[in-house]
Amino acid sequence: MYFLSFETSTKVFSLALNQDEKVLRYRNLKSAFLLEDSIIPTVDKMLEAAGIKFSQIDGFAIALGPGSFTSLRVGLATIKAFAMSTAKPVVGIPTMDIIAQGIGLSGNDEICVINDARRGKVYACLYGPKGRSSDYLLTSLDDVLEKVHGKTLFVGDALGLYRKDIEEAYKKYASKKNSSCKCFFADEKHWHPQSRVMAALAYERFRNKQYDDPANLLPLYLYPQDCQVASPMSSPNALIGDPKKEQRGT
């Protein structure tokens, strides 16, 4: 099957064309504002270069965020229009899943995806050997650091703001206790979600016919009512923080 994957949750619009699991074409387009009239010409050029007609596309994949409010709305509206006008299936993939998929554990105990949510907050999610191990969070950096454990690989654009704070938190904890807790940081090239990585996740969904209803598909918004959207999961193995505080659940 031929399918298109769209990632519009960040300032980099990422588009990929696949034939089954094989990526035929992909493009990353950096733009301050993503508009529908910039998506469609990019799709047309990619299909023309690949010698594929739009009528040959068998499905569509879209990143759901969290991320830029406007870009998410534009991207999702475009994909909904494509899917509903062609009666072709669509799948939605959370943005932080894409980032985690792109880096892999690389010998670490867990991945912590951490993206800038502004207002002094971050979007975050933890991933272990069995996949996602936390909810999608909108929270403070301190809260994230209470949930990590073992050897943690941090990845995401919030590292541009908070890497030194994370390093300092680990140093302070290590000075108080004899611990194997360590932090590692992914290269900047892995910070942003890539459509060609998302395509691998999307293909599994298509192959297993795990489609989404385009009429009901919504972006993963964590603002403004984050407590109602994603409540943090407790972590019995949290290493950075007060163990008594963890037990009290506060």
Protein backbone atom coordinates (compact mmCIF):
# COMPACT_ATOMS: atom_id res chain seq x y z
CA MET A 1 0.00 0.00 0.00
CA TYR A 2 1.01 3.61 -0.56
CA PHE A 3 0.47 6.02 2.32
CA LEU A 4 1.42 9.54 3.33
CA SER A 5 2.64 10.54 6.81
CA PHE A 6 2.33 14.11 8.07
CA GLU A 7 4.03 15.63 11.11
CA THR A 8 2.83 19.19 11.78
CA SER A 9 3.15 19.54 15.56
CA THR A 10 6.40 21.56 15.46
CA LYS A 11 7.92 24.36 13.35
CA VAL A 12 9.28 21.67 11.02
CA PHE A 13 6.63 20.28 8.66
CA SER A 14 7.70 16.71 7.91
CA LEU A 15 6.16 14.63 5.12
CA ALA A 16 6.89 11.06 4.01
CA LEU A 17 5.62 8.80 1.24
CA ASN A 18 5.74 5.07 1.87
CA GLN A 19 5.11 1.88 0.00
CA ASP A 20 4.41 -0.49 2.87
CA GLU A 21 7.38 -0.22 5.27
CA LYS A 22 9.68 1.33 2.65
CA VAL A 23 10.10 5.12 2.67
CA LEU A 24 10.06 6.28 -0.96
CA ARG A 25 10.37 10.02 -0.35
CA TYR A 26 10.49 12.33 2.65
CA ARG A 27 10.93 16.03 3.22
CA ASN A 28 11.35 18.34 6.21
CA LEU A 29 10.23 21.93 5.67
CA LYS A 30 11.00 24.53 8.35
CA SER A 31 8.37 27.25 8.55
CA ALA A 32 7.23 29.73 11.17
CA PHE A 33 3.61 29.24 10.09
CA LEU A 34 2.10 26.12 8.57
CA LEU A 35 -0.88 26.74 6.31
CA GLU A 36 -3.03 24.37 4.32
CA ASP A 37 -1.92 26.01 1.09
CA SER A 38 1.70 25.10 1.93
CA ILE A 39 0.90 21.44 2.66
CA ILE A 40 -0.89 20.58 -0.56
CA PRO A 41 1.81 21.89 -2.98
CA THR A 42 4.44 19.97 -0.99
CA VAL A 43 2.37 16.78 -1.32
CA ASP A 44 1.88 17.38 -5.05
CA LYS A 45 5.62 17.85 -5.63
CA MET A 46 6.51 14.73 -3.66
CA LEU A 47 4.00 12.55 -5.49
CA GLU A 48 5.13 13.90 -8.86
CA ALA A 49 8.77 13.17 -8.04
CA ALA A 50 7.86 9.61 -7.05
CA GLY A 51 5.67 9.06 -10.10
CA ILE A 52 2.63 8.34 -7.90
CA LYS A 53 -0.85 9.76 -8.41
CA PHE A 54 -2.89 10.98 -5.47
CA SER A 55 -5.59 8.46 -6.40
CA GLN A 56 -3.06 5.67 -5.69
CA ILE A 57 -2.67 6.68 -2.03
CA ASP A 58 -4.25 4.03 0.19
CA GLY A 59 -4.05 5.76 3.58
CA PHE A 60 -2.93 8.74 5.64
CA ALA A 61 -1.08 9.11 8.95
CA ILE A 62 -0.98 12.25 11.08
CA ALA A 63 0.97 13.22 14.21
CA LEU A 64 -1.43 14.19 17.00
CA GLY A 65 0.84 16.31 19.20
CA PRO A 66 1.07 17.74 21.74
CA GLY A 67 2.65 20.70 20.05
CA SER A 68 1.84 23.89 18.19
CA PHE A 69 -1.89 24.55 18.47
CA THR A 70 -2.29 26.17 15.05
CA SER A 71 -0.07 23.74 13.15
CA LEU A 72 -1.82 20.73 14.68
CA ARG A 73 -5.22 22.07 13.67
CA VAL A 74 -4.11 22.80 10.11
CA GLY A 75 -2.44 19.42 9.67
CA LEU A 76 -5.32 17.43 11.12
CA ALA A 77 -7.93 19.37 9.13
CA THR A 78 -6.02 18.64 5.92
CA ILE A 79 -5.71 14.93 6.66
CA LYS A 80 -9.37 14.67 7.62
CA ALA A 81 -10.32 16.27 4.31
CA PHE A 82 -8.07 13.84 2.41
CA ALA A 83 -9.38 10.79 4.25
CA MET A 84 -13.08 11.67 4.13
CA SER A 85 -13.02 12.75 0.47
CA THR A 86 -11.23 9.57 -0.65
CA ALA A 87 -12.76 7.13 1.89
CA LYS A 88 -9.22 5.95 2.68
CA PRO A 89 -8.14 4.97 6.23
CA VAL A 90 -6.31 7.30 8.59
CA VAL A 91 -4.24 6.70 11.73
CA GLY A 92 -3.13 9.21 14.36
CA ILE A 93 0.22 8.85 16.14
CA PRO A 94 1.19 10.83 19.29
CA THR A 95 4.20 13.04 18.63
CA MET A 96 6.23 11.90 21.64
CA ASP A 97 5.87 8.26 20.51
CA ILE A 98 7.52 9.28 17.25
CA ILE A 99 10.46 10.95 19.00
CA ALA A 100 11.00 7.91 21.25
CA GLN A 101 10.81 5.55 18.26
CA GLY A 102 13.44 7.61 16.46
CA ILE A 103 16.08 7.33 19.20
CA GLY A 104 15.55 3.89 20.78
CA LEU A 105 16.77 2.86 24.24
CA SER A 106 20.40 2.59 23.09
CA GLY A 107 21.33 0.48 26.12
CA ASN A 108 19.55 2.71 28.64
CA ASP A 109 16.77 1.77 31.06
CA GLU A 110 14.30 4.31 29.75
CA ILE A 111 13.72 7.23 27.41
CA CYS A 112 12.32 10.51 28.66
CA VAL A 113 10.87 12.63 25.86
CA ILE A 114 10.75 16.22 27.04
CA ASN A 115 9.44 19.06 24.86
CA ASP A 116 9.04 22.74 25.61
CA ALA A 117 5.42 23.59 26.45
CA ARG A 118 6.23 27.22 27.36
CA ARG A 119 4.90 28.94 30.50
CA GLY A 120 7.64 27.15 32.47
CA LYS A 121 6.18 23.73 31.70
CA VAL A 122 7.17 20.75 29.57
CA TYR A 123 5.42 18.00 27.67
CA ALA A 124 6.93 14.71 28.78
CA CYS A 125 6.52 10.95 28.50
CA LEU A 126 8.56 7.94 29.62
CA TYR A 127 9.31 4.82 27.57
CA GLY A 128 10.87 1.53 28.67
CA PRO A 129 11.69 -1.83 27.07
CA LYS A 130 7.97 -2.63 26.81
CA GLY A 131 6.97 0.72 25.36
CA ARG A 132 5.29 3.74 26.90
CA SER A 133 5.41 3.65 30.71
CA SER A 134 3.71 6.92 31.66
CA ASP A 135 0.86 9.13 30.58
CA TYR A 136 1.46 12.04 28.24
CA LEU A 137 2.24 14.81 30.70
CA LEU A 138 2.04 18.57 30.84
CA THR A 139 3.99 19.37 33.98
CA SER A 140 7.06 20.95 35.55
CA LEU A 141 10.62 19.76 35.06
CA ASP A 142 10.82 18.95 38.78
CA ASP A 143 7.84 16.64 38.46
CA VAL A 144 9.46 14.84 35.53
CA LEU A 145 12.67 14.33 37.48
CA GLU A 146 10.74 12.67 40.30
CA LYS A 147 9.52 10.02 37.85
CA VAL A 148 12.74 8.95 36.13
CA HIS A 149 14.92 6.08 37.35
CA GLY A 150 18.03 4.15 36.39
CA LYS A 151 19.87 5.18 33.24
CA THR A 152 17.64 7.69 31.46
CA LEU A 153 18.12 8.99 27.93
CA PHE A 154 16.59 12.46 27.57
CA VAL A 155 15.46 13.64 24.15
CA GLY A 156 13.36 16.56 22.89
CA ASP A 157 13.57 20.27 22.21
CA ALA A 158 13.24 21.19 25.91
CA LEU A 159 16.87 20.11 26.28
CA GLY A 160 17.80 23.40 24.68
CA LEU A 161 16.35 25.08 27.77
CA TYR A 162 16.76 22.59 30.59
CA ARG A 163 19.78 20.36 29.99
CA LYS A 164 21.92 22.14 32.60
CA ASP A 165 19.07 21.97 35.13
CA ILE A 166 18.76 18.22 34.56
CA GLU A 167 22.50 17.70 34.97
CA GLU A 168 22.52 19.73 38.19
CA ALA A 169 19.59 17.75 39.60
CA TYR A 170 21.41 14.48 38.98
CA LYS A 171 24.62 15.79 40.54
CA LYS A 172 22.79 16.92 43.68
CA TYR A 173 21.04 13.58 44.02
CA ALA A 174 24.27 11.62 43.48
CA SER A 175 26.02 13.68 46.16
CA LYS A 176 23.37 12.73 48.73
CA LYS A 177 23.03 9.04 47.94
CA ASN A 178 25.09 6.24 46.42
CA SER A 179 23.06 5.70 43.25
CA SER A 180 23.35 4.22 39.78
CA CYS A 181 20.94 6.86 38.50
CA LYS A 182 22.47 8.51 35.42
CA CYS A 183 21.30 10.89 32.72
CA PHE A 184 22.24 10.88 29.04
CA PHE A 185 21.24 13.26 26.27
CA ALA A 186 20.35 12.61 22.65
CA ASP A 187 21.95 14.66 19.88
CA GLU A 188 19.90 17.58 18.63
CA LYS A 189 19.18 15.80 15.35
CA HIS A 190 16.90 13.45 17.31
CA TRP A 191 14.96 16.15 19.16
CA HIS A 192 12.24 16.67 16.55
CA PRO A 193 9.68 14.15 15.26
CA GLN A 194 10.34 12.85 11.75
CA SER A 195 7.64 11.64 9.37
CA ARG A 196 9.85 8.84 8.08
CA VAL A 197 10.08 7.50 11.66
CA MET A 198 6.35 7.97 12.20
CA ALA A 199 5.73 5.94 9.04
CA ALA A 200 7.07 2.79 10.73
CA LEU A 201 4.55 3.17 13.56
CA ALA A 202 1.78 4.01 11.11
CA TYR A 203 2.49 1.01 8.90
CA GLU A 204 1.97 -1.37 11.83
CA ARG A 205 -1.39 0.26 12.47
CA PHE A 206 -2.37 -0.01 8.80
CA ARG A 207 -1.17 -3.61 8.59
CA ASN A 208 -3.28 -4.56 11.61
CA LYS A 209 -6.23 -2.46 10.38
CA GLN A 210 -6.17 -0.34 13.53
CA TYR A 211 -7.71 2.70 11.89
CA ASP A 212 -9.04 5.88 13.46
CA ASP A 213 -12.37 7.46 12.63
CA PRO A 214 -11.44 10.70 10.83
CA ALA A 215 -14.64 12.37 12.01
CA ASN A 216 -13.67 11.83 15.65
CA LEU A 217 -9.89 12.17 15.43
CA LEU A 218 -8.64 14.97 17.69
CA PRO A 219 -5.23 16.49 18.47
CA LEU A 220 -3.61 15.55 21.76
CA TYR A 221 -4.11 18.87 23.54
CA LEU A 222 -2.76 19.03 27.08
CA TYR A 223 -3.51 22.73 27.51
CA PRO A 224 -5.52 24.20 29.16
CA GLN A 225 -7.04 21.46 31.34
CA ASP A 226 -3.99 19.22 31.71
CA CYS A 227 -5.23 17.59 34.91
CA GLN A 228 -8.26 16.24 33.08
CA VAL A 229 -6.35 15.11 30.00
CA ALA A 230 -3.40 13.27 31.54
CA SER A 231 -2.98 12.44 35.19
CA PRO A 232 0.58 11.37 36.10
CA MET A 233 1.15 7.71 36.86
CA SER A 234 2.91 6.99 40.14
CA SER A 235 6.42 5.58 39.86
CA PRO A 236 7.51 3.23 42.66
CA ASN A 237 11.09 3.36 41.38
CA ALA A 238 11.44 7.14 41.24
CA LEU A 239 15.00 8.08 42.17
CA ILE A 240 15.06 11.87 42.01
CA GLY A 241 12.74 13.17 44.70
CA ASP A 242 11.56 12.38 48.19
CA PRO A 243 10.61 8.67 48.56
CA LYS A 244 8.25 9.56 51.42
CA LYS A 245 6.56 12.09 49.16
CA GLU A 246 6.08 9.36 46.54
CA GLN A 247 4.47 7.10 49.12
CA ARG A 248 2.08 9.84 50.25
CA GLY A 249 1.08 10.37 46.62
CA THR A 250 1.48 14.15 46.84
